[in-house]
């Protein structure tokens, strides 16, 4: 999601996490960033690893229709291998997560 005026990356990630999953994180860190299309846009996408989750639901974004599902990392990797996940942002985030200590 996009940052609102005055929000930093971590605040944006926590707000988006809450809107889309009903949880906030007590421990967030930026693990990387990427450009979806650096030829046409300078808009950078940040990948934030969120841990120590706590149930807290913010109002959902009226323009988004998202259904969330919790999955293990192994299940996500299987879906990627099977060609069922083709979202560039998710694939980039998964790659950055693999490089995280």
PDB file of N, CA and C in Angstrom:
ATOM      1  N   UNK A   1       0.810  -1.187   0.000  1.00  0.00           N
ATOM      2  CA  UNK A   1       0.000   0.000   0.000  1.00  0.00           C
ATOM      3  C   UNK A   1       0.854   1.251   0.000  1.00  0.00           C
ATOM      4  N   UNK A   2       0.236   2.334  -0.293  1.00  0.00           N
ATOM      5  CA  UNK A   2       0.928   3.620  -0.368  1.00  0.00           C
ATOM      6  C   UNK A   2       0.969   4.294   0.995  1.00  0.00           C
ATOM      7  N   UNK A   3       2.055   5.013   1.221  1.00  0.00           N
ATOM      8  CA  UNK A   3       2.197   5.777   2.463  1.00  0.00           C
ATOM      9  C   UNK A   3       1.281   6.992   2.425  1.00  0.00           C
ATOM     10  N   UNK A   4       0.670   7.281   3.552  1.00  0.00           N
ATOM     11  CA  UNK A   4      -0.110   8.501   3.698  1.00  0.00           C
ATOM     12  C   UNK A   4       0.840   9.624   4.085  1.00  0.00           C
ATOM     13  N   UNK A   5       0.424  10.835   3.903  1.00  0.00           N
ATOM     14  CA  UNK A   5       1.264  11.994   4.210  1.00  0.00           C
ATOM     15  C   UNK A   5       1.807  11.914   5.639  1.00  0.00           C
ATOM     16  N   UNK A   6       3.128  12.010   5.770  1.00  0.00           N
ATOM     17  CA  UNK A   6       3.768  11.998   7.080  1.00  0.00           C
ATOM     18  C   UNK A   6       4.083  10.614   7.622  1.00  0.00           C
ATOM     19  N   UNK A   7       3.613   9.558   6.985  1.00  0.00           N
ATOM     20  CA  UNK A   7       3.876   8.194   7.450  1.00  0.00           C
ATOM     21  C   UNK A   7       5.249   7.734   6.998  1.00  0.00           C
ATOM     22  N   UNK A   8       5.972   7.033   7.879  1.00  0.00           N
ATOM     23  CA  UNK A   8       7.211   6.407   7.438  1.00  0.00           C
ATOM     24  C   UNK A   8       6.901   4.978   6.974  1.00  0.00           C
ATOM     25  N   UNK A   9       7.913   4.294   6.505  1.00  0.00           N
ATOM     26  CA  UNK A   9       7.725   2.962   5.912  1.00  0.00           C
ATOM     27  C   UNK A   9       7.138   1.971   6.914  1.00  0.00           C
ATOM     28  N   UNK A  10       7.635   1.972   8.133  1.00  0.00           N
ATOM     29  CA  UNK A  10       7.164   1.035   9.151  1.00  0.00           C
ATOM     30  C   UNK A  10       5.715   1.334   9.533  1.00  0.00           C
ATOM     31  N   UNK A  11       5.368   2.599   9.700  1.00  0.00           N
ATOM     32  CA  UNK A  11       3.977   2.962  10.010  1.00  0.00           C
ATOM     33  C   UNK A  11       3.041   2.517   8.888  1.00  0.00           C
ATOM     34  N   UNK A  12       3.464   2.729   7.655  1.00  0.00           N
ATOM     35  CA  UNK A  12       2.659   2.325   6.503  1.00  0.00           C
ATOM     36  C   UNK A  12       2.464   0.813   6.498  1.00  0.00           C
ATOM     37  N   UNK A  13       3.540   0.076   6.726  1.00  0.00           N
ATOM     38  CA  UNK A  13       3.451  -1.396   6.730  1.00  0.00           C
ATOM     39  C   UNK A  13       2.500  -1.878   7.815  1.00  0.00           C
ATOM     40  N   UNK A  14       2.580  -1.297   9.004  1.00  0.00           N
ATOM     41  CA  UNK A  14       1.713  -1.726  10.101  1.00  0.00           C
ATOM     42  C   UNK A  14       0.252  -1.375   9.810  1.00  0.00           C
ATOM     43  N   UNK A  15       0.004  -0.211   9.234  1.00  0.00           N
ATOM     44  CA  UNK A  15      -1.366   0.173   8.885  1.00  0.00           C
ATOM     45  C   UNK A  15      -1.929  -0.784   7.840  1.00  0.00           C
ATOM     46  N   UNK A  16      -1.145  -1.052   6.799  1.00  0.00           N
ATOM     47  CA  UNK A  16      -1.589  -1.964   5.744  1.00  0.00           C
ATOM     48  C   UNK A  16      -1.812  -3.374   6.290  1.00  0.00           C
ATOM     49  N   UNK A  17      -0.912  -3.829   7.151  1.00  0.00           N
ATOM     50  CA  UNK A  17      -1.061  -5.147   7.771  1.00  0.00           C
ATOM     51  C   UNK A  17      -2.380  -5.228   8.530  1.00  0.00           C
ATOM     52  N   UNK A  18      -2.696  -4.200   9.297  1.00  0.00           N
ATOM     53  CA  UNK A  18      -3.928  -4.189  10.075  1.00  0.00           C
ATOM     54  C   UNK A  18      -5.162  -4.136   9.186  1.00  0.00           C
ATOM     55  N   UNK A  19      -5.133  -3.271   8.172  1.00  0.00           N
ATOM     56  CA  UNK A  19      -6.281  -3.155   7.267  1.00  0.00           C
ATOM     57  C   UNK A  19      -6.561  -4.467   6.538  1.00  0.00           C
ATOM     58  N   UNK A  20      -5.510  -5.162   6.156  1.00  0.00           N
ATOM     59  CA  UNK A  20      -5.664  -6.336   5.301  1.00  0.00           C
ATOM     60  C   UNK A  20      -5.712  -7.671   6.043  1.00  0.00           C
ATOM     61  N   UNK A  21      -5.206  -7.696   7.300  1.00  0.00           N
ATOM     62  CA  UNK A  21      -5.179  -8.980   8.007  1.00  0.00           C
ATOM     63  C   UNK A  21      -5.802  -8.937   9.402  1.00  0.00           C
ATOM     64  N   UNK A  22      -5.971  -7.738   9.957  1.00  0.00           N
ATOM     65  CA  UNK A  22      -6.518  -7.642  11.308  1.00  0.00           C
ATOM     66  C   UNK A  22      -5.468  -7.750  12.401  1.00  0.00           C
ATOM     67  N   UNK A  23      -4.200  -7.615  12.038  1.00  0.00           N
ATOM     68  CA  UNK A  23      -3.103  -7.679  13.009  1.00  0.00           C
ATOM     69  C   UNK A  23      -2.178  -6.476  12.840  1.00  0.00           C
ATOM     70  N   UNK A  24      -1.495  -6.120  13.929  1.00  0.00           N
ATOM     71  CA  UNK A  24      -0.385  -5.185  13.866  1.00  0.00           C
ATOM     72  C   UNK A  24       0.849  -5.910  14.385  1.00  0.00           C
ATOM     73  N   UNK A  25       2.002  -5.334  14.118  1.00  0.00           N
ATOM     74  CA  UNK A  25       3.258  -5.958  14.515  1.00  0.00           C
ATOM     75  C   UNK A  25       3.969  -5.102  15.553  1.00  0.00           C
ATOM     76  N   UNK A  26       4.552  -5.757  16.529  1.00  0.00           N
ATOM     77  CA  UNK A  26       5.372  -5.058  17.530  1.00  0.00           C
ATOM     78  C   UNK A  26       6.835  -5.019  17.104  1.00  0.00           C
ATOM     79  N   UNK A  27       7.177  -5.766  16.060  1.00  0.00           N
ATOM     80  CA  UNK A  27       8.566  -5.820  15.595  1.00  0.00           C
ATOM     81  C   UNK A  27       8.595  -5.836  14.064  1.00  0.00           C
ATOM     82  N   UNK A  28       8.944  -4.703  13.484  1.00  0.00           N
ATOM     83  CA  UNK A  28       9.008  -4.577  12.021  1.00  0.00           C
ATOM     84  C   UNK A  28      10.397  -4.112  11.617  1.00  0.00           C
ATOM     85  N   UNK A  29      10.844  -4.613  10.453  1.00  0.00           N
ATOM     86  CA  UNK A  29      12.078  -4.084   9.889  1.00  0.00           C
ATOM     87  C   UNK A  29      12.027  -4.190   8.369  1.00  0.00           C
ATOM     88  N   UNK A  30      12.583  -3.188   7.721  1.00  0.00           N
ATOM     89  CA  UNK A  30      12.670  -3.188   6.269  1.00  0.00           C
ATOM     90  C   UNK A  30      13.761  -4.169   5.878  1.00  0.00           C
ATOM     91  N   UNK A  31      13.413  -5.142   5.020  1.00  0.00           N
ATOM     92  CA  UNK A  31      14.414  -6.134   4.605  1.00  0.00           C
ATOM     93  C   UNK A  31      14.871  -5.909   3.168  1.00  0.00           C
ATOM     94  N   UNK A  32      14.293  -4.921   2.500  1.00  0.00           N
ATOM     95  CA  UNK A  32      14.733  -4.616   1.143  1.00  0.00           C
ATOM     96  C   UNK A  32      13.715  -3.766   0.405  1.00  0.00           C
ATOM     97  N   UNK A  33      14.055  -3.473  -0.829  1.00  0.00           N
ATOM     98  CA  UNK A  33      13.161  -2.696  -1.682  1.00  0.00           C
ATOM     99  C   UNK A  33      13.435  -3.053  -3.134  1.00  0.00           C
ATOM    100  N   UNK A  34      12.493  -2.667  -4.008  1.00  0.00           N
ATOM    101  CA  UNK A  34      12.642  -2.942  -5.434  1.00  0.00           C
ATOM    102  C   UNK A  34      11.732  -2.000  -6.214  1.00  0.00           C
ATOM    103  N   UNK A  35      11.980  -1.899  -7.493  1.00  0.00           N
ATOM    104  CA  UNK A  35      11.122  -1.138  -8.401  1.00  0.00           C
ATOM    105  C   UNK A  35      10.356  -2.119  -9.273  1.00  0.00           C
ATOM    106  N   UNK A  36       9.058  -1.910  -9.400  1.00  0.00           N
ATOM    107  CA  UNK A  36       8.265  -2.782 -10.269  1.00  0.00           C
ATOM    108  C   UNK A  36       8.597  -2.540 -11.732  1.00  0.00           C
ATOM    109  N   UNK A  37       8.826  -1.276 -12.086  1.00  0.00           N
ATOM    110  CA  UNK A  37       9.154  -0.941 -13.465  1.00  0.00           C
ATOM    111  C   UNK A  37       9.956   0.352 -13.466  1.00  0.00           C
ATOM    112  N   UNK A  38      11.260   0.239 -13.318  1.00  0.00           N
ATOM    113  CA  UNK A  38      12.092   1.430 -13.161  1.00  0.00           C
ATOM    114  C   UNK A  38      12.210   2.250 -14.445  1.00  0.00           C
ATOM    115  N   UNK A  39      11.751   1.735 -15.564  1.00  0.00           N
ATOM    116  CA  UNK A  39      11.772   2.514 -16.808  1.00  0.00           C
ATOM    117  C   UNK A  39      10.625   3.515 -16.865  1.00  0.00           C
ATOM    118  N   UNK A  40       9.542   3.204 -16.194  1.00  0.00           N
ATOM    119  CA  UNK A  40       8.352   4.051 -16.291  1.00  0.00           C
ATOM    120  C   UNK A  40       7.980   4.752 -14.998  1.00  0.00           C
ATOM    121  N   UNK A  41       8.600   4.365 -13.889  1.00  0.00           N
ATOM    122  CA  UNK A  41       8.221   4.942 -12.608  1.00  0.00           C
ATOM    123  C   UNK A  41       9.403   4.899 -11.646  1.00  0.00           C
ATOM    124  N   UNK A  42       9.461   5.904 -10.776  1.00  0.00           N
ATOM    125  CA  UNK A  42      10.483   5.893  -9.729  1.00  0.00           C
ATOM    126  C   UNK A  42       9.874   5.439  -8.398  1.00  0.00           C
ATOM    127  N   UNK A  43       8.695   4.843  -8.466  1.00  0.00           N
ATOM    128  CA  UNK A  43       8.007   4.378  -7.259  1.00  0.00           C
ATOM    129  C   UNK A  43       8.665   3.105  -6.730  1.00  0.00           C
ATOM    130  N   UNK A  44       9.197   3.215  -5.530  1.00  0.00           N
ATOM    131  CA  UNK A  44       9.908   2.104  -4.903  1.00  0.00           C
ATOM    132  C   UNK A  44       8.953   1.326  -4.001  1.00  0.00           C
ATOM    133  N   UNK A  45       9.065   0.017  -4.059  1.00  0.00           N
ATOM    134  CA  UNK A  45       8.293  -0.878  -3.199  1.00  0.00           C
ATOM    135  C   UNK A  45       9.218  -1.367  -2.079  1.00  0.00           C
ATOM    136  N   UNK A  46       8.756  -1.285  -0.856  1.00  0.00           N
ATOM    137  CA  UNK A  46       9.545  -1.738   0.296  1.00  0.00           C
ATOM    138  C   UNK A  46       8.973  -3.048   0.811  1.00  0.00           C
ATOM    139  N   UNK A  47       9.854  -3.922   1.244  1.00  0.00           N
ATOM    140  CA  UNK A  47       9.449  -5.189   1.849  1.00  0.00           C
ATOM    141  C   UNK A  47       9.771  -5.097   3.331  1.00  0.00           C
ATOM    142  N   UNK A  48       8.746  -5.268   4.155  1.00  0.00           N
ATOM    143  CA  UNK A  48       8.883  -5.125   5.602  1.00  0.00           C
ATOM    144  C   UNK A  48       8.532  -6.456   6.251  1.00  0.00           C
ATOM    145  N   UNK A  49       9.449  -6.966   7.048  1.00  0.00           N
ATOM    146  CA  UNK A  49       9.219  -8.201   7.792  1.00  0.00           C
ATOM    147  C   UNK A  49       8.569  -7.828   9.119  1.00  0.00           C
ATOM    148  N   UNK A  50       7.390  -8.364   9.382  1.00  0.00           N
ATOM    149  CA  UNK A  50       6.642  -8.061  10.603  1.00  0.00           C
ATOM    150  C   UNK A  50       6.543  -9.317  11.463  1.00  0.00           C
ATOM    151  N   UNK A  51       6.932  -9.183  12.721  1.00  0.00           N
ATOM    152  CA  UNK A  51       6.889 -10.292  13.681  1.00  0.00           C
ATOM    153  C   UNK A  51       6.142  -9.836  14.931  1.00  0.00           C
ATOM    154  N   UNK A  52       5.942 -10.741  15.862  1.00  0.00           N
ATOM    155  CA  UNK A  52       5.280 -10.463  17.139  1.00  0.00           C
ATOM    156  C   UNK A  52       3.947  -9.754  16.886  1.00  0.00           C
ATOM    157  N   UNK A  53       3.043 -10.476  16.254  1.00  0.00           N
ATOM    158  CA  UNK A  53       1.760  -9.904  15.847  1.00  0.00           C
ATOM    159  C   UNK A  53       0.759  -9.868  16.989  1.00  0.00           C
ATOM    160  N   UNK A  54      -0.104  -8.849  16.918  1.00  0.00           N
ATOM    161  CA  UNK A  54      -1.153  -8.650  17.903  1.00  0.00           C
ATOM    162  C   UNK A  54      -2.437  -8.312  17.145  1.00  0.00           C
ATOM    163  N   UNK A  55      -3.554  -8.914  17.546  1.00  0.00           N
ATOM    164  CA  UNK A  55      -4.818  -8.678  16.851  1.00  0.00           C
ATOM    165  C   UNK A  55      -5.251  -7.227  17.040  1.00  0.00           C
ATOM    166  N   UNK A  56      -5.417  -6.525  15.937  1.00  0.00           N
ATOM    167  CA  UNK A  56      -5.915  -5.148  15.949  1.00  0.00           C
ATOM    168  C   UNK A  56      -6.344  -4.788  14.535  1.00  0.00           C
ATOM    169  N   UNK A  57      -7.619  -4.627  14.344  1.00  0.00           N
ATOM    170  CA  UNK A  57      -8.170  -4.391  13.007  1.00  0.00           C
ATOM    171  C   UNK A  57      -8.480  -2.909  12.825  1.00  0.00           C
ATOM    172  N   UNK A  58      -7.898  -2.313  11.789  1.00  0.00           N
ATOM    173  CA  UNK A  58      -8.261  -0.967  11.378  1.00  0.00           C
ATOM    174  C   UNK A  58      -9.329  -1.065  10.301  1.00  0.00           C
ATOM    175  N   UNK A  59      -9.984   0.056  10.027  1.00  0.00           N
ATOM    176  CA  UNK A  59     -10.993   0.063   8.966  1.00  0.00           C
ATOM    177  C   UNK A  59     -10.337  -0.280   7.643  1.00  0.00           C
ATOM    178  N   UNK A  60     -10.993  -1.138   6.881  1.00  0.00           N
ATOM    179  CA  UNK A  60     -10.470  -1.554   5.587  1.00  0.00           C
ATOM    180  C   UNK A  60     -10.555  -0.415   4.584  1.00  0.00           C
ATOM    181  N   UNK A  61      -9.681  -0.460   3.601  1.00  0.00           N
ATOM    182  CA  UNK A  61      -9.691   0.494   2.504  1.00  0.00           C
ATOM    183  C   UNK A  61     -10.892   0.179   1.618  1.00  0.00           C
ATOM    184  N   UNK A  62     -11.759   1.168   1.380  1.00  0.00           N
ATOM    185  CA  UNK A  62     -12.977   0.945   0.593  1.00  0.00           C
ATOM    186  C   UNK A  62     -12.696   0.516  -0.845  1.00  0.00           C
ATOM    187  N   UNK A  63     -11.510   0.819  -1.354  1.00  0.00           N
ATOM    188  CA  UNK A  63     -11.191   0.523  -2.744  1.00  0.00           C
ATOM    189  C   UNK A  63     -10.571  -0.857  -2.938  1.00  0.00           C
ATOM    190  N   UNK A  64     -10.259  -1.538  -1.851  1.00  0.00           N
ATOM    191  CA  UNK A  64      -9.603  -2.842  -1.948  1.00  0.00           C
ATOM    192  C   UNK A  64     -10.549  -3.955  -1.496  1.00  0.00           C
ATOM    193  N   UNK A  65     -10.504  -5.039  -2.218  1.00  0.00           N
ATOM    194  CA  UNK A  65     -11.272  -6.229  -1.862  1.00  0.00           C
ATOM    195  C   UNK A  65     -10.263  -7.363  -1.713  1.00  0.00           C
ATOM    196  N   UNK A  66      -9.818  -7.574  -0.479  1.00  0.00           N
ATOM    197  CA  UNK A  66      -8.740  -8.518  -0.221  1.00  0.00           C
ATOM    198  C   UNK A  66      -9.223  -9.614   0.714  1.00  0.00           C
ATOM    199  N   UNK A  67      -8.899 -10.829   0.352  1.00  0.00           N
ATOM    200  CA  UNK A  67      -9.164 -11.968   1.212  1.00  0.00           C
ATOM    201  C   UNK A  67      -7.814 -12.494   1.684  1.00  0.00           C
ATOM    202  N   UNK A  68      -7.588 -12.481   2.992  1.00  0.00           N
ATOM    203  CA  UNK A  68      -6.297 -12.908   3.549  1.00  0.00           C
ATOM    204  C   UNK A  68      -6.361 -14.361   3.992  1.00  0.00           C
ATOM    205  N   UNK A  69      -5.225 -15.022   3.877  1.00  0.00           N
ATOM    206  CA  UNK A  69      -5.111 -16.404   4.309  1.00  0.00           C
ATOM    207  C   UNK A  69      -3.700 -16.608   4.852  1.00  0.00           C
ATOM    208  N   UNK A  70      -3.578 -17.211   6.040  1.00  0.00           N
ATOM    209  CA  UNK A  70      -2.273 -17.490   6.614  1.00  0.00           C
ATOM    210  C   UNK A  70      -1.773 -18.808   6.053  1.00  0.00           C
ATOM    211  N   UNK A  71      -0.505 -18.792   5.612  1.00  0.00           N
ATOM    212  CA  UNK A  71       0.106 -19.995   5.048  1.00  0.00           C
ATOM    213  C   UNK A  71       1.537 -20.109   5.564  1.00  0.00           C
ATOM    214  N   UNK A  72       2.021 -21.323   5.596  1.00  0.00           N
ATOM    215  CA  UNK A  72       3.420 -21.525   5.973  1.00  0.00           C
ATOM    216  C   UNK A  72       4.316 -21.099   4.810  1.00  0.00           C
ATOM    217  N   UNK A  73       5.549 -20.796   5.115  1.00  0.00           N
ATOM    218  CA  UNK A  73       6.518 -20.426   4.090  1.00  0.00           C
ATOM    219  C   UNK A  73       6.720 -21.580   3.103  1.00  0.00           C
ATOM    220  N   UNK A  74       6.744 -22.800   3.604  1.00  0.00           N
ATOM    221  CA  UNK A  74       6.887 -23.967   2.719  1.00  0.00           C
ATOM    222  C   UNK A  74       5.721 -24.078   1.745  1.00  0.00           C
ATOM    223  N   UNK A  75       4.496 -23.804   2.213  1.00  0.00           N
ATOM    224  CA  UNK A  75       3.327 -23.859   1.330  1.00  0.00           C
ATOM    225  C   UNK A  75       3.410 -22.773   0.250  1.00  0.00           C
ATOM    226  N   UNK A  76       3.876 -21.586   0.622  1.00  0.00           N
ATOM    227  CA  UNK A  76       4.023 -20.504  -0.351  1.00  0.00           C
ATOM    228  C   UNK A  76       5.051 -20.892  -1.411  1.00  0.00           C
ATOM    229  N   UNK A  77       6.169 -21.456  -0.984  1.00  0.00           N
ATOM    230  CA  UNK A  77       7.198 -21.886  -1.934  1.00  0.00           C
ATOM    231  C   UNK A  77       6.667 -22.961  -2.875  1.00  0.00           C
ATOM    232  N   UNK A  78       5.845 -23.861  -2.371  1.00  0.00           N
ATOM    233  CA  UNK A  78       5.253 -24.895  -3.222  1.00  0.00           C
ATOM    234  C   UNK A  78       4.351 -24.276  -4.278  1.00  0.00           C
ATOM    235  N   UNK A  79       3.565 -23.273  -3.891  1.00  0.00           N
ATOM    236  CA  UNK A  79       2.695 -22.602  -4.853  1.00  0.00           C
ATOM    237  C   UNK A  79       3.498 -21.869  -5.923  1.00  0.00           C
ATOM    238  N   UNK A  80       4.633 -21.301  -5.534  1.00  0.00           N
ATOM    239  CA  UNK A  80       5.518 -20.640  -6.511  1.00  0.00           C
ATOM    240  C   UNK A  80       6.069 -21.683  -7.479  1.00  0.00           C
ATOM    241  N   UNK A  81       6.580 -22.782  -6.938  1.00  0.00           N
ATOM    242  CA  UNK A  81       7.131 -23.856  -7.785  1.00  0.00           C
ATOM    243  C   UNK A  81       6.097 -24.406  -8.757  1.00  0.00           C
ATOM    244  N   UNK A  82       4.852 -24.477  -8.301  1.00  0.00           N
ATOM    245  CA  UNK A  82       3.769 -25.019  -9.128  1.00  0.00           C
ATOM    246  C   UNK A  82       3.201 -23.987 -10.107  1.00  0.00           C
ATOM    247  N   UNK A  83       3.752 -22.776 -10.092  1.00  0.00           N
ATOM    248  CA  UNK A  83       3.285 -21.739 -11.000  1.00  0.00           C
ATOM    249  C   UNK A  83       1.952 -21.112 -10.621  1.00  0.00           C
ATOM    250  N   UNK A  84       1.527 -21.309  -9.379  1.00  0.00           N
ATOM    251  CA  UNK A  84       0.239 -20.772  -8.932  1.00  0.00           C
ATOM    252  C   UNK A  84       0.366 -19.368  -8.344  1.00  0.00           C
ATOM    253  N   UNK A  85       1.568 -18.956  -8.008  1.00  0.00           N
ATOM    254  CA  UNK A  85       1.827 -17.580  -7.578  1.00  0.00           C
ATOM    255  C   UNK A  85       2.736 -16.962  -8.621  1.00  0.00           C
ATOM    256  N   UNK A  86       2.235 -15.907  -9.270  1.00  0.00           N
ATOM    257  CA  UNK A  86       2.987 -15.240 -10.326  1.00  0.00           C
ATOM    258  C   UNK A  86       3.104 -13.733 -10.089  1.00  0.00           C
ATOM    259  N   UNK A  87       2.667 -13.272  -8.926  1.00  0.00           N
ATOM    260  CA  UNK A  87       2.696 -11.859  -8.586  1.00  0.00           C
ATOM    261  C   UNK A  87       4.130 -11.391  -8.386  1.00  0.00           C
ATOM    262  N   UNK A  88       4.562 -10.407  -9.179  1.00  0.00           N
ATOM    263  CA  UNK A  88       5.958  -9.952  -9.144  1.00  0.00           C
ATOM    264  C   UNK A  88       6.358  -9.415  -7.772  1.00  0.00           C
ATOM    265  N   UNK A  89       5.470  -8.675  -7.134  1.00  0.00           N
ATOM    266  CA  UNK A  89       5.781  -8.129  -5.813  1.00  0.00           C
ATOM    267  C   UNK A  89       5.985  -9.213  -4.779  1.00  0.00           C
ATOM    268  N   UNK A  90       5.131 -10.228  -4.802  1.00  0.00           N
ATOM    269  CA  UNK A  90       5.267 -11.335  -3.863  1.00  0.00           C
ATOM    270  C   UNK A  90       6.538 -12.134  -4.127  1.00  0.00           C
ATOM    271  N   UNK A  91       6.855 -12.347  -5.394  1.00  0.00           N
ATOM    272  CA  UNK A  91       8.073 -13.084  -5.735  1.00  0.00           C
ATOM    273  C   UNK A  91       9.319 -12.314  -5.303  1.00  0.00           C
ATOM    274  N   UNK A  92       9.314 -10.997  -5.489  1.00  0.00           N
ATOM    275  CA  UNK A  92      10.447 -10.174  -5.041  1.00  0.00           C
ATOM    276  C   UNK A  92      10.567 -10.206  -3.525  1.00  0.00           C
ATOM    277  N   UNK A  93       9.439 -10.095  -2.827  1.00  0.00           N
ATOM    278  CA  UNK A  93       9.452 -10.120  -1.362  1.00  0.00           C
ATOM    279  C   UNK A  93       9.972 -11.462  -0.849  1.00  0.00           C
ATOM    280  N   UNK A  94       9.543 -12.553  -1.474  1.00  0.00           N
ATOM    281  CA  UNK A  94      10.004 -13.878  -1.082  1.00  0.00           C
ATOM    282  C   UNK A  94      11.521 -14.000  -1.290  1.00  0.00           C
ATOM    283  N   UNK A  95      12.027 -13.475  -2.375  1.00  0.00           N
ATOM    284  CA  UNK A  95      13.476 -13.501  -2.636  1.00  0.00           C
ATOM    285  C   UNK A  95      14.236 -12.722  -1.574  1.00  0.00           C
ATOM    286  N   UNK A  96      13.725 -11.538  -1.210  1.00  0.00           N
ATOM    287  CA  UNK A  96      14.378 -10.733  -0.176  1.00  0.00           C
ATOM    288  C   UNK A  96      14.315 -11.422   1.186  1.00  0.00           C
ATOM    289  N   UNK A  97      13.200 -12.080   1.479  1.00  0.00           N
ATOM    290  CA  UNK A  97      13.085 -12.814   2.737  1.00  0.00           C
ATOM    291  C   UNK A  97      14.119 -13.924   2.811  1.00  0.00           C
ATOM    292  N   UNK A  98      14.346 -14.621   1.707  1.00  0.00           N
ATOM    293  CA  UNK A  98      15.326 -15.708   1.666  1.00  0.00           C
ATOM    294  C   UNK A  98      16.741 -15.198   1.956  1.00  0.00           C
ATOM    295  N   UNK A  99      17.007 -13.929   1.652  1.00  0.00           N
ATOM    296  CA  UNK A  99      18.332 -13.351   1.872  1.00  0.00           C
ATOM    297  C   UNK A  99      18.505 -12.750   3.256  1.00  0.00           C
ATOM    298  N   UNK A 100      17.435 -12.739   4.042  1.00  0.00           N
ATOM    299  CA  UNK A 100      17.449 -12.141   5.373  1.00  0.00           C
ATOM    300  C   UNK A 100      18.029 -13.109   6.390  1.00  0.00           C
ATOM    301  N   UNK A 101      18.854 -12.589   7.278  1.00  0.00           N
ATOM    302  CA  UNK A 101      19.454 -13.425   8.340  1.00  0.00           C
ATOM    303  C   UNK A 101      18.419 -13.770   9.376  1.00  0.00           C
TER     304      UNK A 101
END
